[in-house]
């Protein structure tokens, strides 16, 4: 379904978009709530991948892991990716 330049995400399937020049990932949970994060890991700027099994955003470069809302679960990153969207 196409909505004015963006796509409605499917459950557990991330949609990637650009906001303010930054890559952003959006995932819809089973309840229909949208979760939006920056797709750039703050540690070394690698691109995050959504893990459908654990419902986390994972960095394939150094192993940082973020929850569905971008809160840091495991480093080496020391920052969340949820706050990076508005900067």
Protein backbone atom coordinates (compact mmCIF):
# COMPACT_ATOMS: atom_id res chain seq x y z
CA UNK A 1 0.00 0.00 0.00
CA UNK A 2 1.48 3.34 -1.04
CA UNK A 3 0.91 6.48 1.07
CA UNK A 4 2.27 9.82 -0.15
CA UNK A 5 5.90 8.83 -0.65
CA UNK A 6 6.10 6.22 2.11
CA UNK A 7 5.08 2.62 2.66
CA UNK A 8 3.01 1.08 5.43
CA UNK A 9 5.24 -1.53 7.08
CA UNK A 10 4.13 -5.13 7.42
CA UNK A 11 4.28 -6.82 10.83
CA UNK A 12 7.93 -7.60 11.71
CA UNK A 13 9.13 -6.53 8.25
CA UNK A 14 11.15 -3.30 8.35
CA UNK A 15 10.58 -0.45 5.95
CA UNK A 16 13.58 1.76 5.23
CA UNK A 17 13.12 5.44 4.51
CA UNK A 18 15.14 8.66 4.56
CA UNK A 19 14.31 11.41 7.07
CA UNK A 20 16.39 14.59 7.30
CA UNK A 21 19.07 12.92 5.18
CA UNK A 22 19.36 9.91 7.52
CA UNK A 23 18.35 6.28 6.96
CA UNK A 24 15.49 5.29 9.25
CA UNK A 25 13.96 1.87 9.87
CA UNK A 26 10.29 1.46 10.75
CA UNK A 27 8.77 -1.78 12.04
CA UNK A 28 5.16 -2.52 12.94
CA UNK A 29 4.57 -4.86 15.89
CA UNK A 30 1.66 -7.34 16.23
CA UNK A 31 -0.47 -4.69 17.93
CA UNK A 32 -0.05 -2.30 14.98
CA UNK A 33 2.32 0.10 16.78
CA UNK A 34 5.09 1.60 14.66
CA UNK A 35 8.67 1.64 15.99
CA UNK A 36 11.19 3.97 14.33
CA UNK A 37 14.99 4.00 14.72
CA UNK A 38 18.07 5.38 13.04
CA UNK A 39 19.71 2.64 10.96
CA UNK A 40 23.24 3.85 11.70
CA UNK A 41 25.01 2.25 14.65
CA UNK A 42 26.57 4.98 16.84
CA UNK A 43 29.67 2.86 17.51
CA UNK A 44 31.33 2.73 14.07
CA UNK A 45 28.48 3.89 11.77
CA UNK A 46 27.62 0.46 10.34
CA UNK A 47 24.10 -0.20 9.04
CA UNK A 48 21.72 -2.01 11.39
CA UNK A 49 19.68 -5.05 10.38
CA UNK A 50 16.35 -6.04 11.91
CA UNK A 51 16.32 -9.46 13.56
CA UNK A 52 12.77 -10.81 13.16
CA UNK A 53 13.35 -13.66 15.62
CA UNK A 54 14.46 -11.49 18.57
CA UNK A 55 12.69 -8.26 17.44
CA UNK A 56 15.96 -6.35 17.77
CA UNK A 57 18.12 -4.12 15.59
CA UNK A 58 21.55 -5.74 15.31
CA UNK A 59 24.86 -4.36 14.11
CA UNK A 60 26.61 -6.94 11.92
CA UNK A 61 29.99 -5.20 12.28
CA UNK A 62 30.69 -5.37 16.02
CA UNK A 63 27.64 -6.96 17.66
CA UNK A 64 25.79 -4.02 19.22
CA UNK A 65 22.12 -4.80 19.75
CA UNK A 66 19.15 -2.46 20.20
CA UNK A 67 15.54 -3.23 21.12
CA UNK A 68 12.68 -2.57 18.69
CA UNK A 69 12.56 1.09 19.87
CA UNK A 70 16.31 1.62 19.48
CA UNK A 71 17.30 1.40 23.15
CA UNK A 72 20.75 -0.10 23.70
CA UNK A 73 20.73 -3.72 24.87
CA UNK A 74 24.38 -4.67 24.26
CA UNK A 75 27.53 -2.82 23.20
CA UNK A 76 30.16 -1.97 22.19
CA UNK A 77 27.95 1.01 21.34
CA UNK A 78 27.25 3.25 24.32
CA UNK A 79 24.33 5.15 22.76
CA UNK A 80 20.79 4.33 21.68
CA UNK A 81 19.63 4.68 18.09
CA UNK A 82 16.14 5.89 19.03
CA UNK A 83 17.38 9.38 19.94
CA UNK A 84 19.57 9.74 16.83
CA UNK A 85 16.60 10.27 14.50
CA UNK A 86 15.87 13.82 15.66
CA UNK A 87 19.48 15.05 15.59
